[in-house]
């Protein structure tokens, strides 16, 4: 990666690296997820350290040919997104999803744009707007699943390709997709609520189903390790 190439970026996560440095995971418009060593900033009070925070829009330059780059230049492009409370937890959840699922150096410019819009939406929500925040999360999850090529069309059944009937009940499985529910299936999904998800008519019931479906769809991508950000929602 040439040193002269500027990347539009946000910090996903940083952690101590050796005695004076940070290992930083960035989400970038041009190269997707990239990891870099920020040398000599850990124990300093420099602007570089203060900029290396999640939700701070940046331009960065990296050097190095391997998967782990070196951070050479960095500047803030605007103020950090003003995220607090529940909305901050939501943004941290987005960061963890990206960091856990995306492969390094895979350009995903459309997903980066959705991520930016999601942060702006969360930053503009009131502290009590938890349902609106849930909408932001569900729509980002759908965008991420689409980027990974595993988004299921919820308007038709996977096995027969029949259109979802609002009067029927369905079941969802990450491998089998959406099928008609068997009589004794414990978690039947009403067709009317599934269609509300398809058309983004975000009722409480539609959000509940979208959360259920997305959690199952994301599980194969995330593996067995629990998401740390989900613990924040249980504590709030």
C-alpha atoms as a PDB file:
ATOM      1  CA  UNK A   1       0.000   0.000   0.000  1.00  0.00           C
ATOM      2  CA  UNK A   2       1.623   3.279  -1.054  1.00  0.00           C
ATOM      3  CA  UNK A   3       2.316   5.781   1.714  1.00  0.00           C
ATOM      4  CA  UNK A   4       0.786   8.612  -0.318  1.00  0.00           C
ATOM      5  CA  UNK A   5      -2.687   7.028  -0.418  1.00  0.00           C
ATOM      6  CA  UNK A   6      -5.175   8.632   1.946  1.00  0.00           C
ATOM      7  CA  UNK A   7      -7.905   6.414   3.371  1.00  0.00           C
ATOM      8  CA  UNK A   8     -11.181   7.620   4.861  1.00  0.00           C
ATOM      9  CA  UNK A   9     -11.506   5.721   8.120  1.00  0.00           C
ATOM     10  CA  UNK A  10     -13.032   5.183  11.538  1.00  0.00           C
ATOM     11  CA  UNK A  11     -11.493   3.263  14.432  1.00  0.00           C
ATOM     12  CA  UNK A  12     -13.236  -0.016  15.175  1.00  0.00           C
ATOM     13  CA  UNK A  13     -11.075  -1.033  18.114  1.00  0.00           C
ATOM     14  CA  UNK A  14      -7.675  -0.324  19.631  1.00  0.00           C
ATOM     15  CA  UNK A  15      -5.607  -2.234  22.161  1.00  0.00           C
ATOM     16  CA  UNK A  16      -2.161  -1.851  23.730  1.00  0.00           C
ATOM     17  CA  UNK A  17       0.717  -3.136  21.648  1.00  0.00           C
ATOM     18  CA  UNK A  18       4.130  -3.569  23.194  1.00  0.00           C
ATOM     19  CA  UNK A  19       5.169  -0.767  25.573  1.00  0.00           C
ATOM     20  CA  UNK A  20       4.346   2.451  23.746  1.00  0.00           C
ATOM     21  CA  UNK A  21       2.060   1.606  20.832  1.00  0.00           C
ATOM     22  CA  UNK A  22      -1.492   0.661  19.917  1.00  0.00           C
ATOM     23  CA  UNK A  23      -2.740  -2.002  17.559  1.00  0.00           C
ATOM     24  CA  UNK A  24      -5.709  -0.388  15.805  1.00  0.00           C
ATOM     25  CA  UNK A  25      -8.431  -1.919  13.648  1.00  0.00           C
ATOM     26  CA  UNK A  26      -9.802   0.607  11.155  1.00  0.00           C
ATOM     27  CA  UNK A  27     -12.857   0.480   8.911  1.00  0.00           C
ATOM     28  CA  UNK A  28     -12.039   2.329   5.699  1.00  0.00           C
ATOM     29  CA  UNK A  29     -13.958   3.375   2.610  1.00  0.00           C
ATOM     30  CA  UNK A  30     -11.226   2.291   0.204  1.00  0.00           C
ATOM     31  CA  UNK A  31      -9.866  -0.950   1.727  1.00  0.00           C
ATOM     32  CA  UNK A  32     -12.492  -2.219   4.151  1.00  0.00           C
ATOM     33  CA  UNK A  33     -11.074  -3.437   7.439  1.00  0.00           C
ATOM     34  CA  UNK A  34      -7.348  -2.841   7.966  1.00  0.00           C
ATOM     35  CA  UNK A  35      -5.141  -3.219  11.029  1.00  0.00           C
ATOM     36  CA  UNK A  36      -2.151  -1.026  11.793  1.00  0.00           C
ATOM     37  CA  UNK A  37       0.370  -0.283  14.513  1.00  0.00           C
ATOM     38  CA  UNK A  38       0.250   3.275  15.858  1.00  0.00           C
ATOM     39  CA  UNK A  39       3.783   3.598  17.172  1.00  0.00           C
ATOM     40  CA  UNK A  40       4.772   5.662  20.185  1.00  0.00           C
ATOM     41  CA  UNK A  41       1.363   7.179  20.988  1.00  0.00           C
ATOM     42  CA  UNK A  42       0.168   5.058  23.898  1.00  0.00           C
ATOM     43  CA  UNK A  43       1.803   7.022  26.715  1.00  0.00           C
ATOM     44  CA  UNK A  44       1.697  10.427  25.063  1.00  0.00           C
ATOM     45  CA  UNK A  45      -0.773  13.316  25.247  1.00  0.00           C
ATOM     46  CA  UNK A  46      -0.520  14.027  21.550  1.00  0.00           C
ATOM     47  CA  UNK A  47      -3.381  14.752  19.173  1.00  0.00           C
ATOM     48  CA  UNK A  48      -2.644  11.422  17.492  1.00  0.00           C
ATOM     49  CA  UNK A  49      -3.675   9.551  20.626  1.00  0.00           C
ATOM     50  CA  UNK A  50      -6.859  11.586  21.102  1.00  0.00           C
ATOM     51  CA  UNK A  51      -7.883  10.947  17.485  1.00  0.00           C
ATOM     52  CA  UNK A  52      -7.509   7.181  17.843  1.00  0.00           C
ATOM     53  CA  UNK A  53     -10.987   6.786  19.322  1.00  0.00           C
ATOM     54  CA  UNK A  54     -13.986   4.965  17.856  1.00  0.00           C
ATOM     55  CA  UNK A  55     -16.529   7.134  15.995  1.00  0.00           C
ATOM     56  CA  UNK A  56     -13.982   9.824  15.092  1.00  0.00           C
ATOM     57  CA  UNK A  57     -13.956  10.380  11.303  1.00  0.00           C
ATOM     58  CA  UNK A  58     -10.353  10.261  10.055  1.00  0.00           C
ATOM     59  CA  UNK A  59      -8.088  10.317   7.064  1.00  0.00           C
ATOM     60  CA  UNK A  60      -5.116   8.011   7.472  1.00  0.00           C
ATOM     61  CA  UNK A  61      -2.056   6.901   5.584  1.00  0.00           C
ATOM     62  CA  UNK A  62      -0.557   3.462   6.071  1.00  0.00           C
ATOM     63  CA  UNK A  63       2.665   1.777   5.006  1.00  0.00           C
ATOM     64  CA  UNK A  64       3.752  -1.844   4.808  1.00  0.00           C
ATOM     65  CA  UNK A  65       3.115  -4.808   2.554  1.00  0.00           C
ATOM     66  CA  UNK A  66       1.808  -7.337   5.078  1.00  0.00           C
ATOM     67  CA  UNK A  67      -1.627  -7.668   6.636  1.00  0.00           C
ATOM     68  CA  UNK A  68      -0.484  -5.591   9.631  1.00  0.00           C
ATOM     69  CA  UNK A  69       0.401  -2.077   8.454  1.00  0.00           C
ATOM     70  CA  UNK A  70       2.058   0.916  10.134  1.00  0.00           C
ATOM     71  CA  UNK A  71       0.093   4.108  10.722  1.00  0.00           C
ATOM     72  CA  UNK A  72       2.191   6.916   9.271  1.00  0.00           C
ATOM     73  CA  UNK A  73      -0.150   9.929   9.014  1.00  0.00           C
ATOM     74  CA  UNK A  74      -3.553  10.757  10.428  1.00  0.00           C
ATOM     75  CA  UNK A  75      -5.921  13.708  10.641  1.00  0.00           C
ATOM     76  CA  UNK A  76      -9.465  14.229  11.844  1.00  0.00           C
ATOM     77  CA  UNK A  77     -11.948  15.190   9.135  1.00  0.00           C
ATOM     78  CA  UNK A  78     -14.755  16.339  11.456  1.00  0.00           C
ATOM     79  CA  UNK A  79     -15.831  16.167  15.073  1.00  0.00           C
ATOM     80  CA  UNK A  80     -16.459  12.762  16.603  1.00  0.00           C
ATOM     81  CA  UNK A  81     -20.045  11.506  16.441  1.00  0.00           C
ATOM     82  CA  UNK A  82     -21.747  12.562  19.710  1.00  0.00           C
ATOM     83  CA  UNK A  83     -22.832   9.124  20.920  1.00  0.00           C
ATOM     84  CA  UNK A  84     -23.862   8.483  24.511  1.00  0.00           C
ATOM     85  CA  UNK A  85     -25.828   5.965  26.547  1.00  0.00           C
ATOM     86  CA  UNK A  86     -27.872   3.356  24.689  1.00  0.00           C
ATOM     87  CA  UNK A  87     -26.987   4.869  21.310  1.00  0.00           C
ATOM     88  CA  UNK A  88     -23.284   4.491  22.119  1.00  0.00           C
ATOM     89  CA  UNK A  89     -23.831   0.813  22.956  1.00  0.00           C
ATOM     90  CA  UNK A  90     -25.568   0.400  19.594  1.00  0.00           C
ATOM     91  CA  UNK A  91     -22.608   1.957  17.760  1.00  0.00           C
ATOM     92  CA  UNK A  92     -20.187  -0.295  19.651  1.00  0.00           C
ATOM     93  CA  UNK A  93     -22.266  -3.274  18.530  1.00  0.00           C
ATOM     94  CA  UNK A  94     -21.881  -2.176  14.891  1.00  0.00           C
ATOM     95  CA  UNK A  95     -18.118  -1.892  15.343  1.00  0.00           C
ATOM     96  CA  UNK A  96     -17.870  -5.358  16.846  1.00  0.00           C
ATOM     97  CA  UNK A  97     -19.928  -6.900  14.055  1.00  0.00           C
ATOM     98  CA  UNK A  98     -17.681  -5.336  11.417  1.00  0.00           C
ATOM     99  CA  UNK A  99     -14.494  -6.310  13.211  1.00  0.00           C
ATOM    100  CA  UNK A 100     -15.588  -9.901  13.784  1.00  0.00           C
ATOM    101  CA  UNK A 101     -17.096 -10.611  10.365  1.00  0.00           C
ATOM    102  CA  UNK A 102     -15.231  -8.675   7.671  1.00  0.00           C
ATOM    103  CA  UNK A 103     -12.090 -10.131   6.174  1.00  0.00           C
ATOM    104  CA  UNK A 104      -9.049  -7.779   6.020  1.00  0.00           C
ATOM    105  CA  UNK A 105      -8.411  -5.621   2.962  1.00  0.00           C
ATOM    106  CA  UNK A 106     -11.774  -6.337   1.353  1.00  0.00           C
ATOM    107  CA  UNK A 107     -13.235  -3.102  -0.113  1.00  0.00           C
ATOM    108  CA  UNK A 108     -16.880  -2.691   0.902  1.00  0.00           C
ATOM    109  CA  UNK A 109     -17.663   0.908   0.000  1.00  0.00           C
ATOM    110  CA  UNK A 110     -21.454   0.424   0.069  1.00  0.00           C
ATOM    111  CA  UNK A 111     -21.319  -1.032   3.586  1.00  0.00           C
ATOM    112  CA  UNK A 112     -19.022   1.783   4.698  1.00  0.00           C
ATOM    113  CA  UNK A 113     -21.640   4.279   3.502  1.00  0.00           C
ATOM    114  CA  UNK A 114     -24.364   2.434   5.449  1.00  0.00           C
ATOM    115  CA  UNK A 115     -22.098   2.461   8.520  1.00  0.00           C
ATOM    116  CA  UNK A 116     -21.605   6.221   8.256  1.00  0.00           C
ATOM    117  CA  UNK A 117     -25.340   6.805   7.880  1.00  0.00           C
ATOM    118  CA  UNK A 118     -25.999   4.533  10.857  1.00  0.00           C
ATOM    119  CA  UNK A 119     -23.624   6.495  13.102  1.00  0.00           C
ATOM    120  CA  UNK A 120     -25.214   9.775  12.017  1.00  0.00           C
ATOM    121  CA  UNK A 121     -28.685   8.383  12.709  1.00  0.00           C
ATOM    122  CA  UNK A 122     -27.692   7.104  16.153  1.00  0.00           C
ATOM    123  CA  UNK A 123     -25.993  10.393  17.018  1.00  0.00           C
ATOM    124  CA  UNK A 124     -29.176  12.296  16.117  1.00  0.00           C
ATOM    125  CA  UNK A 125     -31.523  10.134  18.182  1.00  0.00           C
ATOM    126  CA  UNK A 126     -32.820  11.217  21.534  1.00  0.00           C
ATOM    127  CA  UNK A 127     -31.754   9.190  24.577  1.00  0.00           C
ATOM    128  CA  UNK A 128     -35.170   7.574  24.828  1.00  0.00           C
ATOM    129  CA  UNK A 129     -35.441   6.580  21.162  1.00  0.00           C
ATOM    130  CA  UNK A 130     -34.632   2.912  21.668  1.00  0.00           C
ATOM    131  CA  UNK A 131     -37.087   1.710  19.011  1.00  0.00           C
ATOM    132  CA  UNK A 132     -35.529   4.035  16.413  1.00  0.00           C
ATOM    133  CA  UNK A 133     -32.087   2.779  17.444  1.00  0.00           C
ATOM    134  CA  UNK A 134     -33.279  -0.796  16.941  1.00  0.00           C
ATOM    135  CA  UNK A 135     -34.313   0.119  13.405  1.00  0.00           C
ATOM    136  CA  UNK A 136     -30.789   1.392  12.711  1.00  0.00           C
ATOM    137  CA  UNK A 137     -29.286  -1.861  14.023  1.00  0.00           C
ATOM    138  CA  UNK A 138     -31.596  -4.144  12.065  1.00  0.00           C
ATOM    139  CA  UNK A 139     -31.080  -2.276   8.789  1.00  0.00           C
ATOM    140  CA  UNK A 140     -27.305  -2.344   9.243  1.00  0.00           C
ATOM    141  CA  UNK A 141     -27.419  -6.083   9.959  1.00  0.00           C
ATOM    142  CA  UNK A 142     -29.350  -6.631   6.727  1.00  0.00           C
ATOM    143  CA  UNK A 143     -26.753  -4.572   4.815  1.00  0.00           C
ATOM    144  CA  UNK A 144     -23.917  -6.586   6.358  1.00  0.00           C
ATOM    145  CA  UNK A 145     -25.604  -9.905   5.514  1.00  0.00           C
ATOM    146  CA  UNK A 146     -26.109  -8.678   1.941  1.00  0.00           C
ATOM    147  CA  UNK A 147     -22.436  -7.695   1.690  1.00  0.00           C
ATOM    148  CA  UNK A 148     -21.446 -11.175   2.867  1.00  0.00           C
ATOM    149  CA  UNK A 149     -23.754 -12.788   0.299  1.00  0.00           C
ATOM    150  CA  UNK A 150     -25.967 -14.535   2.846  1.00  0.00           C
ATOM    151  CA  UNK A 151     -29.026 -12.273   2.971  1.00  0.00           C
ATOM    152  CA  UNK A 152     -32.194 -14.359   2.674  1.00  0.00           C
ATOM    153  CA  UNK A 153     -35.153 -13.081   0.645  1.00  0.00           C
ATOM    154  CA  UNK A 154     -37.886 -13.029   3.279  1.00  0.00           C
ATOM    155  CA  UNK A 155     -40.649 -12.445   0.743  1.00  0.00           C
ATOM    156  CA  UNK A 156     -40.577 -16.070  -0.471  1.00  0.00           C
ATOM    157  CA  UNK A 157     -39.979 -19.475   1.076  1.00  0.00           C
ATOM    158  CA  UNK A 158     -36.558 -20.958   0.464  1.00  0.00           C
ATOM    159  CA  UNK A 159     -37.655 -24.513  -0.312  1.00  0.00           C
ATOM    160  CA  UNK A 160     -40.502 -23.948  -2.784  1.00  0.00           C
ATOM    161  CA  UNK A 161     -40.141 -20.278  -3.674  1.00  0.00           C
ATOM    162  CA  UNK A 162     -43.723 -19.539  -2.664  1.00  0.00           C
ATOM    163  CA  UNK A 163     -44.670 -15.994  -1.737  1.00  0.00           C
ATOM    164  CA  UNK A 164     -45.083 -15.407   1.976  1.00  0.00           C
ATOM    165  CA  UNK A 165     -48.752 -15.497   2.914  1.00  0.00           C
ATOM    166  CA  UNK A 166     -49.712 -12.993   5.624  1.00  0.00           C
ATOM    167  CA  UNK A 167     -52.168 -15.529   7.078  1.00  0.00           C
ATOM    168  CA  UNK A 168     -49.603 -18.345   7.410  1.00  0.00           C
ATOM    169  CA  UNK A 169     -46.843 -19.035   9.945  1.00  0.00           C
ATOM    170  CA  UNK A 170     -43.202 -19.686   9.122  1.00  0.00           C
ATOM    171  CA  UNK A 171     -39.936 -20.826  10.637  1.00  0.00           C
ATOM    172  CA  UNK A 172     -36.442 -19.567   9.909  1.00  0.00           C
ATOM    173  CA  UNK A 173     -33.126 -21.418  10.005  1.00  0.00           C
ATOM    174  CA  UNK A 174     -29.730 -20.061   8.973  1.00  0.00           C
ATOM    175  CA  UNK A 175     -29.134 -23.070   6.707  1.00  0.00           C
ATOM    176  CA  UNK A 176     -32.675 -23.875   5.560  1.00  0.00           C
ATOM    177  CA  UNK A 177     -33.902 -20.287   5.240  1.00  0.00           C
ATOM    178  CA  UNK A 178     -37.589 -19.444   5.485  1.00  0.00           C
ATOM    179  CA  UNK A 179     -40.094 -22.339   5.303  1.00  0.00           C
ATOM    180  CA  UNK A 180     -43.659 -23.015   6.383  1.00  0.00           C
ATOM    181  CA  UNK A 181     -43.785 -23.798  10.085  1.00  0.00           C
ATOM    182  CA  UNK A 182     -44.631 -27.318  11.170  1.00  0.00           C
ATOM    183  CA  UNK A 183     -47.633 -27.588  13.529  1.00  0.00           C
ATOM    184  CA  UNK A 184     -45.547 -28.126  16.671  1.00  0.00           C
ATOM    185  CA  UNK A 185     -42.771 -25.646  15.887  1.00  0.00           C
ATOM    186  CA  UNK A 186     -42.259 -23.480  19.023  1.00  0.00           C
ATOM    187  CA  UNK A 187     -41.196 -20.195  17.391  1.00  0.00           C
ATOM    188  CA  UNK A 188     -43.665 -19.588  14.595  1.00  0.00           C
ATOM    189  CA  UNK A 189     -43.266 -16.322  12.715  1.00  0.00           C
ATOM    190  CA  UNK A 190     -46.490 -14.708  11.436  1.00  0.00           C
ATOM    191  CA  UNK A 191     -46.384 -14.065   7.713  1.00  0.00           C
ATOM    192  CA  UNK A 192     -47.914 -10.618   8.194  1.00  0.00           C
ATOM    193  CA  UNK A 193     -45.017  -9.570  10.436  1.00  0.00           C
ATOM    194  CA  UNK A 194     -42.429 -11.053   8.067  1.00  0.00           C
ATOM    195  CA  UNK A 195     -43.860  -8.987   5.223  1.00  0.00           C
ATOM    196  CA  UNK A 196     -43.699  -5.918   7.464  1.00  0.00           C
ATOM    197  CA  UNK A 197     -39.943  -6.572   7.770  1.00  0.00           C
ATOM    198  CA  UNK A 198     -39.638  -6.933   3.994  1.00  0.00           C
ATOM    199  CA  UNK A 199     -41.340  -3.567   3.462  1.00  0.00           C
ATOM    200  CA  UNK A 200     -39.572  -1.936   6.426  1.00  0.00           C
ATOM    201  CA  UNK A 201     -42.820  -1.192   8.203  1.00  0.00           C
ATOM    202  CA  UNK A 202     -41.106  -1.172  11.560  1.00  0.00           C
ATOM    203  CA  UNK A 203     -43.665  -2.133  14.154  1.00  0.00           C
ATOM    204  CA  UNK A 204     -42.521  -3.613  17.459  1.00  0.00           C
ATOM    205  CA  UNK A 205     -43.444  -7.077  16.151  1.00  0.00           C
ATOM    206  CA  UNK A 206     -41.522  -6.564  12.901  1.00  0.00           C
ATOM    207  CA  UNK A 207     -38.427  -5.437  14.815  1.00  0.00           C
ATOM    208  CA  UNK A 208     -38.671  -8.478  17.071  1.00  0.00           C
ATOM    209  CA  UNK A 209     -38.783 -10.834  14.079  1.00  0.00           C
ATOM    210  CA  UNK A 210     -35.947  -9.007  12.292  1.00  0.00           C
ATOM    211  CA  UNK A 211     -33.802  -9.310  15.410  1.00  0.00           C
ATOM    212  CA  UNK A 212     -34.571 -13.040  15.695  1.00  0.00           C
ATOM    213  CA  UNK A 213     -33.872 -13.732  12.013  1.00  0.00           C
ATOM    214  CA  UNK A 214     -30.691 -11.655  11.882  1.00  0.00           C
ATOM    215  CA  UNK A 215     -29.276 -13.199  15.041  1.00  0.00           C
ATOM    216  CA  UNK A 216     -29.659 -16.664  13.528  1.00  0.00           C
ATOM    217  CA  UNK A 217     -28.264 -15.518  10.163  1.00  0.00           C
ATOM    218  CA  UNK A 218     -25.230 -13.850  11.775  1.00  0.00           C
ATOM    219  CA  UNK A 219     -24.375 -16.767  14.053  1.00  0.00           C
ATOM    220  CA  UNK A 220     -22.441 -18.808  11.418  1.00  0.00           C
ATOM    221  CA  UNK A 221     -20.391 -15.697  10.583  1.00  0.00           C
ATOM    222  CA  UNK A 222     -19.638 -14.846  14.222  1.00  0.00           C
ATOM    223  CA  UNK A 223     -18.897 -18.321  15.537  1.00  0.00           C
ATOM    224  CA  UNK A 224     -19.363 -19.380  19.149  1.00  0.00           C
ATOM    225  CA  UNK A 225     -17.576 -16.479  20.842  1.00  0.00           C
ATOM    226  CA  UNK A 226     -20.168 -14.140  22.438  1.00  0.00           C
ATOM    227  CA  UNK A 227     -20.308 -10.501  21.397  1.00  0.00           C
ATOM    228  CA  UNK A 228     -18.995  -8.293  24.187  1.00  0.00           C
ATOM    229  CA  UNK A 229     -21.191  -5.363  23.121  1.00  0.00           C
ATOM    230  CA  UNK A 230     -24.356  -7.386  23.741  1.00  0.00           C
ATOM    231  CA  UNK A 231     -23.452  -7.501  27.427  1.00  0.00           C
ATOM    232  CA  UNK A 232     -23.777  -3.706  27.535  1.00  0.00           C
ATOM    233  CA  UNK A 233     -27.446  -3.902  26.546  1.00  0.00           C
ATOM    234  CA  UNK A 234     -28.195  -6.271  29.426  1.00  0.00           C
ATOM    235  CA  UNK A 235     -26.476  -3.915  31.883  1.00  0.00           C
ATOM    236  CA  UNK A 236     -28.181  -0.726  30.658  1.00  0.00           C
END
